[in-house]
Protein backbone atom coordinates (compact mmCIF):
# COMPACT_ATOMS: atom_id res chain seq x y z
CA MET A 1 52.08 115.13 65.24
CA ASN A 2 51.87 112.04 67.43
CA ARG A 3 54.71 111.35 69.79
CA PRO A 4 57.00 108.51 68.62
CA THR A 5 56.52 105.17 70.31
CA ILE A 6 58.69 102.24 71.18
CA TYR A 7 57.44 100.52 68.01
CA ASP A 8 58.57 103.48 65.83
CA VAL A 9 62.03 103.18 67.30
CA ALA A 10 62.13 99.52 66.78
CA ARG A 11 61.15 99.91 63.17
CA GLU A 12 63.68 102.64 62.59
CA ALA A 13 66.53 100.55 64.23
CA GLY A 14 65.47 97.27 62.65
CA VAL A 15 64.97 95.37 65.87
CA ALA A 16 62.09 94.03 67.98
CA ALA A 17 60.23 96.35 70.37
CA SER A 18 61.27 94.12 73.22
CA THR A 19 64.93 94.79 72.35
CA VAL A 20 64.34 98.57 72.48
CA SER A 21 62.61 98.15 75.96
CA ARG A 22 65.61 96.04 77.13
CA ALA A 23 68.10 98.65 75.89
CA TYR A 24 66.58 101.24 78.22
CA ALA A 25 65.68 99.04 81.17
CA ARG A 26 68.84 96.79 81.22
CA PRO A 27 71.50 98.23 78.92
CA GLY A 28 74.09 95.65 79.85
CA ARG A 29 71.91 92.97 78.35
CA VAL A 30 71.94 94.40 74.81
CA ASN A 31 74.83 94.16 72.37
CA ALA A 32 76.69 97.49 72.38
CA ASP A 33 76.28 98.05 68.58
CA THR A 34 72.62 97.23 68.79
CA ALA A 35 72.08 99.53 71.76
CA GLN A 36 73.84 102.41 69.96
CA ARG A 37 71.67 101.92 66.86
CA ILE A 38 68.56 102.04 69.05
CA PHE A 39 69.62 105.22 70.86
CA GLU A 40 70.48 106.91 67.63
CA ALA A 41 67.07 106.00 66.09
CA ALA A 42 65.35 107.24 69.32
CA GLU A 43 67.26 110.50 69.08
CA LYS A 44 66.39 110.91 65.46
CA LEU A 45 62.73 110.38 66.08
CA GLY A 46 62.70 112.48 69.22
CA TYR A 47 61.62 109.43 71.47
CA ARG A 48 61.87 109.82 75.14
CA THR A 49 61.06 107.41 77.96
CA GLY A 50 60.29 108.30 81.62
CA ALA A 51 62.77 110.32 83.63
CA GLN A 52 64.33 107.30 85.32
CA ALA A 53 64.99 105.25 82.17
CA ARG A 54 65.86 108.04 79.74
CA ARG A 55 69.31 107.90 78.17
CA PRO A 56 70.90 111.29 77.58
CA GLY A 57 71.28 112.22 73.94
CA PRO A 58 74.31 113.92 72.43
CA GLY A 59 75.31 117.01 74.34
CA ILE A 60 73.11 116.28 77.36
CA VAL A 61 75.18 115.76 80.50
CA ARG A 62 73.95 114.39 83.73
CA ASN A 63 77.03 115.28 85.79
CA ALA A 64 76.93 112.09 87.77
CA ILE A 65 79.44 109.25 88.10
CA ALA A 66 78.67 105.90 89.78
CA LEU A 67 81.30 104.47 92.16
CA VAL A 68 80.75 100.71 92.63
CA VAL A 69 82.58 98.97 95.46
CA ALA A 70 82.61 95.38 96.50
CA ASP A 71 81.83 95.87 100.18
CA VAL A 72 81.11 99.36 101.62
CA THR A 73 81.69 98.03 105.19
CA ASN A 74 85.30 97.13 104.30
CA PRO A 75 87.65 99.84 105.68
CA PHE A 76 89.78 99.47 102.55
CA TYR A 77 87.19 101.39 100.56
CA GLY A 78 86.84 104.36 102.98
CA ASP A 79 89.78 106.42 101.55
CA ILE A 80 88.90 105.31 98.03
CA ILE A 81 85.37 106.69 98.45
CA LYS A 82 86.68 109.89 100.02
CA GLY A 83 89.21 110.46 97.25
CA ALA A 84 86.64 109.78 94.58
CA TYR A 85 84.13 112.12 96.26
CA GLU A 86 86.55 114.99 96.45
CA ALA A 87 87.52 114.59 92.77
CA ALA A 88 83.85 114.53 91.73
CA ARG A 89 83.00 117.54 93.94
CA GLU A 90 85.91 119.59 92.42
CA ALA A 91 84.66 118.88 88.94
CA GLY A 92 81.05 119.64 89.78
CA TYR A 93 79.88 116.07 89.49
CA GLN A 94 77.59 114.05 91.74
CA LEU A 95 78.87 110.69 93.07
CA ILE A 96 76.49 107.82 93.26
CA LEU A 97 77.79 105.10 95.55
CA SER A 98 76.80 101.42 95.27
CA HIS A 99 77.90 98.33 97.07
CA THR A 100 77.68 94.77 95.67
CA ASN A 101 78.30 92.54 98.64
CA GLU A 102 81.22 90.83 96.91
CA SER A 103 78.81 89.33 94.29
CA PRO A 104 79.52 89.48 90.53
CA LYS A 105 75.82 88.96 89.90
CA VAL A 106 74.83 91.91 92.12
CA GLU A 107 77.64 94.03 90.56
CA ARG A 108 76.41 93.37 87.07
CA GLN A 109 72.74 94.12 87.90
CA THR A 110 73.73 97.31 89.74
CA ILE A 111 75.67 98.63 86.95
CA GLU A 112 72.97 97.73 84.46
CA GLN A 113 70.51 99.77 86.55
CA GLU A 114 72.83 102.79 86.79
CA LEU A 115 74.18 103.00 83.27
CA ALA A 116 71.33 105.12 81.86
CA GLN A 117 71.58 107.56 84.78
CA VAL A 118 75.24 108.42 84.92
CA ASP A 119 78.02 109.71 82.62
CA GLY A 120 80.44 107.08 83.68
CA VAL A 121 81.33 104.26 86.17
CA VAL A 122 84.33 103.79 88.50
CA ILE A 123 84.53 100.17 89.68
CA ALA A 124 86.68 99.25 92.55
CA SER A 125 87.92 95.65 92.79
CA SER A 126 85.44 94.30 90.31
CA ARG A 127 84.33 90.70 90.70
CA MET A 128 82.87 90.54 87.14
CA THR A 129 84.44 88.72 84.25
CA ASP A 130 86.55 90.56 81.61
CA SER A 131 83.93 90.10 78.98
CA ALA A 132 81.24 91.64 81.15
CA LEU A 133 83.51 94.63 81.89
CA ARG A 134 84.24 95.08 78.26
CA MET A 135 80.49 95.32 77.52
CA VAL A 136 80.08 98.04 80.07
CA ALA A 137 83.13 99.90 78.69
CA LYS A 138 81.55 99.97 75.26
CA GLN A 139 78.62 101.86 76.58
CA LYS A 140 80.01 104.31 79.07
CA ALA A 141 83.18 105.92 80.35
CA VAL A 142 84.66 103.24 82.71
CA VAL A 143 87.60 103.31 85.07
CA LEU A 144 88.71 100.21 86.95
CA LEU A 145 90.53 100.32 90.37
CA ASN A 146 92.75 97.25 91.01
CA ARG A 147 91.77 95.50 87.74
CA ILE A 148 93.06 95.57 84.21
CA ILE A 149 91.28 95.38 80.91
CA PRO A 150 92.65 97.13 77.75
CA GLU A 151 89.31 98.68 76.95
CA ALA A 152 89.19 100.83 80.12
CA ASN A 153 91.44 103.30 82.06
CA CYS A 154 92.80 101.33 85.04
CA VAL A 155 94.40 102.48 88.27
CA LEU A 156 96.04 99.96 90.52
CA ASN A 157 98.58 99.55 93.33
CA ASP A 158 101.98 97.97 92.61
CA ALA A 159 101.10 94.76 94.41
CA GLU A 160 104.02 92.80 92.84
CA ARG A 161 106.58 95.19 94.33
CA GLY A 162 104.78 95.43 97.63
CA ILE A 163 104.54 91.60 98.11
CA ARG A 164 108.22 91.28 97.05
CA ARG A 165 109.28 93.76 99.77
CA ALA A 166 107.23 91.88 102.32
CA VAL A 167 108.86 88.56 101.36
CA GLU A 168 112.30 90.27 101.42
CA HIS A 169 111.56 91.58 104.94
CA LEU A 170 110.47 88.13 106.19
CA ALA A 171 113.50 86.45 104.58
CA SER A 172 115.87 88.95 106.18
CA LEU A 173 114.38 87.99 109.58
CA GLY A 174 115.29 84.33 109.03
CA HIS A 175 111.88 82.84 107.92
CA GLU A 176 112.04 79.92 105.62
CA ARG A 177 108.31 78.92 105.19
CA ILE A 178 105.52 81.36 104.37
CA THR A 179 101.74 80.78 103.98
CA TYR A 180 99.71 83.09 101.73
CA VAL A 181 96.06 83.37 103.16
CA ALA A 182 94.12 84.03 99.97
CA GLY A 183 91.18 86.39 99.39
CA PRO A 184 87.90 85.87 97.37
CA GLU A 185 87.94 83.37 94.55
CA THR A 186 86.57 86.04 92.16
CA SER A 187 89.31 88.63 93.11
CA TRP A 188 91.65 89.57 90.32
CA SER A 189 93.99 91.18 92.90
CA ASP A 190 94.21 87.91 94.83
CA GLY A 191 95.66 86.18 91.75
CA VAL A 192 98.26 88.92 91.27
CA ARG A 193 99.30 88.82 94.96
CA TRP A 194 99.63 84.95 95.06
CA ARG A 195 101.67 84.82 91.90
CA SER A 196 103.94 87.64 93.16
CA LEU A 197 104.43 85.92 96.47
CA ARG A 198 105.21 82.57 94.89
CA GLN A 199 107.82 84.18 92.64
CA ALA A 200 109.39 86.22 95.36
CA ALA A 201 109.54 83.26 97.70
CA ALA A 202 111.38 81.27 95.00
CA ASP A 203 113.82 84.11 94.46
CA PHE A 204 114.59 84.33 98.17
CA GLY A 205 114.64 80.60 98.81
CA LEU A 206 111.48 80.37 100.90
CA GLU A 207 108.86 77.61 100.80
CA ALA A 208 105.38 78.99 99.92
CA ARG A 209 101.94 77.59 100.30
CA ARG A 210 98.42 78.89 99.89
CA LEU A 211 95.31 78.68 102.05
CA GLY A 212 91.92 79.68 100.55
CA PRO A 213 89.91 81.10 99.05
CA ASN A 214 88.54 83.19 102.00
CA GLU A 215 86.20 86.12 102.47
CA PRO A 216 88.22 89.30 103.01
CA THR A 217 86.93 89.81 106.50
CA VAL A 218 88.17 89.63 110.15
CA LEU A 219 85.85 86.63 110.88
CA ALA A 220 87.30 84.76 107.95
CA GLY A 221 90.83 85.49 109.24
CA ILE A 222 89.90 84.13 112.68
CA SER A 223 88.66 80.89 110.99
CA ALA A 224 91.81 80.71 108.88
CA ALA A 225 94.03 80.85 111.92
CA LEU A 226 93.43 77.26 112.82
CA ARG A 227 94.64 76.09 109.39
CA VAL A 228 97.61 78.44 109.71
CA ALA A 229 98.43 76.90 113.09
CA GLU A 230 98.31 73.41 111.58
CA THR A 231 101.09 74.28 109.08
CA ASP A 232 104.82 74.50 109.83
CA SER A 233 105.01 78.07 108.44
CA THR A 234 106.53 80.73 110.63
CA ALA A 235 105.21 83.62 108.52
CA VAL A 236 101.92 84.63 106.95
CA GLN A 237 101.14 87.07 104.19
CA ALA A 238 97.44 87.75 104.12
CA TYR A 239 95.46 88.97 101.13
CA ASN A 240 94.35 92.02 103.05
CA ASP A 241 94.47 93.69 106.44
CA GLN A 242 91.19 92.42 107.69
CA LEU A 243 92.17 88.89 107.11
CA ALA A 244 95.58 89.55 108.73
CA ILE A 245 93.90 91.11 111.82
CA GLY A 246 91.61 88.11 112.11
CA ILE A 247 94.61 85.75 111.85
CA VAL A 248 96.38 87.58 114.65
CA LYS A 249 93.29 87.31 116.87
CA GLY A 250 92.63 83.71 116.01
CA LEU A 251 96.24 82.61 116.65
CA SER A 252 96.16 84.46 120.00
CA ARG A 253 93.06 82.44 120.98
CA LEU A 254 94.85 79.21 120.04
CA GLY A 255 97.83 80.17 122.15
CA VAL A 256 100.18 80.86 119.18
CA ALA A 257 102.19 83.95 119.88
CA VAL A 258 102.56 86.66 117.22
CA PRO A 259 105.20 87.42 116.25
CA GLU A 260 107.32 85.12 118.42
CA GLN A 261 105.99 81.89 116.76
CA VAL A 262 104.24 83.24 113.59
CA SER A 263 104.86 86.59 111.86
CA VAL A 264 101.85 88.19 110.12
CA VAL A 265 101.86 90.74 107.31
CA GLY A 266 98.73 92.44 105.89
CA PHE A 267 97.96 94.46 102.80
CA ASP A 268 96.39 98.00 102.49
CA ASN A 269 97.32 99.77 105.73
CA ILE A 270 93.78 100.47 106.98
CA ILE A 271 93.15 102.48 110.13
CA PHE A 272 92.68 99.49 112.48
CA ASP A 273 96.23 98.20 111.83
CA GLU A 274 97.65 100.30 114.76
CA LEU A 275 94.80 99.33 117.08
CA VAL A 276 95.33 95.58 116.95
CA GLU A 277 97.89 94.06 119.35
CA PRO A 278 100.56 93.55 118.22
CA GLN A 279 100.30 96.38 115.64
CA LEU A 280 100.23 94.98 112.09
CA THR A 281 103.04 95.05 109.60
CA THR A 282 101.48 95.74 106.21
CA ILE A 283 101.85 96.84 102.68
CA ALA A 284 100.50 100.41 102.41
CA SER A 285 98.42 101.32 99.33
CA PRO A 286 97.71 104.97 98.36
CA LEU A 287 93.91 104.45 98.60
CA TYR A 288 92.84 108.08 98.61
CA ARG A 289 94.95 108.84 95.56
CA MET A 290 93.52 105.72 93.84
CA GLY A 291 90.01 106.99 94.32
CA PHE A 292 90.86 110.53 93.45
CA THR A 293 92.72 109.63 90.25
CA GLY A 294 90.14 107.10 89.20
CA MET A 295 87.35 109.57 89.42
CA GLN A 296 89.39 112.23 87.59
CA ASN A 297 90.09 109.82 84.75
CA CYS A 298 86.49 108.78 84.48
CA ILE A 299 85.29 112.37 84.29
CA ALA A 300 87.88 113.03 81.59
CA VAL A 301 86.73 110.05 79.47
CA ALA A 302 83.09 111.05 79.98
CA GLN A 303 84.01 114.49 78.59
CA GLY A 304 85.64 113.00 75.45
CA ALA A 305 89.18 112.10 76.43
CA ARG A 306 90.51 108.86 74.85
CA THR A 307 91.11 105.73 76.95
CA SER A 308 94.86 105.54 77.55
CA GLY A 309 95.22 101.72 77.16
CA ARG A 310 97.94 101.54 79.80
CA PRO A 311 97.27 101.00 83.55
CA LEU A 312 98.37 103.68 85.97
CA VAL A 313 100.42 101.82 88.64
CA LEU A 314 100.72 103.59 91.98
CA PRO A 315 103.64 102.95 94.30
CA VAL A 316 103.22 101.10 97.67
CA ARG A 317 105.44 100.88 100.69
CA LEU A 318 106.15 98.33 103.40
CA VAL A 319 105.24 99.58 106.90
CA VAL A 320 107.01 97.55 109.47
CA ARG A 321 105.30 97.34 112.89
CA LYS A 322 105.16 94.72 115.63
CA SER A 323 103.63 91.69 114.02
CA THR A 324 106.79 90.54 112.34
CA ALA A 325 110.03 89.24 114.07
CA PRO A 326 112.64 86.59 113.64
CA PRO A 327 111.12 83.05 114.26
CA ARG A 328 111.54 81.65 117.74
CA GLY A 329 115.03 80.23 118.29
CA THR A 330 116.65 82.25 115.54
CA THR A 331 118.08 85.71 115.07
CA ALA A 332 117.94 87.79 111.89
CA VAL A 333 120.87 87.02 109.64
CA PRO A 334 121.46 89.58 106.84
CA ARG A 335 121.42 87.99 103.37
CA PRO A 336 123.65 88.99 100.54
CA ARG A 337 122.52 92.15 98.75
CA ALA A 338 122.10 90.26 95.55
CA ALA A 339 119.44 88.16 97.19
CA LEU A 340 117.71 91.06 98.84
CA GLY A 341 117.54 93.42 95.85
CA SER A 342 114.43 93.73 93.83
CA ARG A 343 114.20 91.93 90.53
CA PRO A 344 114.51 94.14 87.36
CA ARG A 345 111.04 95.10 86.21
């Protein structure tokens, strides 16, 4: 009996041979229902492609999960990667790490290339659109870190509460004007953090402004420092710690004292926060736990568990160090407890 060909599969599935080829080579470019019909036809006929492109049939497990991060050089991802690796190792899975250079196009292409080779995908801080993520979630087990879509399990930090506590801290020190130095334009988390800061500032009677978008790097923070110095803000909340560290360095070069003239708060609590001078006040995220839990969830879905439909929100905490203080010429004046308390959630 002759081995089935791509044309046999196309005829069985009722599609063009080129569509069958694309379903194997670039799965993300084929409608999920069409792709499923093609793979079922291939399984029925016993069709197999080469080892690199072959999609596993029912009951065949590759024991591999892809972890896709926006920038592997960003210290933020270090503990996420470590946590994900430990969870994969404990479950007997291989972790395949990819980095997308903060590009939604590269992210999409990377995932398309990996879909046929893995049982699931954990995507940290995705820059892709919701519709693109939904397409991936229809084809594989998907878990998103710091992003929410209903079609996937999602694990994220409680940015709203963390930002609120940072604003509360700055208000208690006597600050009245705060600048948010934003992250990448395609960052979902950036939008959450800016909206949270704007709401908290209104609640505590602070004036808030936004500078950005910016790349989430130290160099971008150094560049942003000049724009910060041109404002009349006495406090800065940065999108992440790398931006915050760059702002501290940039302000120092401009002769602006931190925290005497401008207080600076970061987000993430990366290892370098205690090495910068002054040490950085920041919002600490449970990054290892995020990676570990995200990988556990992805493996569970790959093994047949249902998607929860509700995000898992991990608690954060404010770590006060030396980069925040009362603005020059003032002293901290305690505000009424009603103003300082957290809003009902």
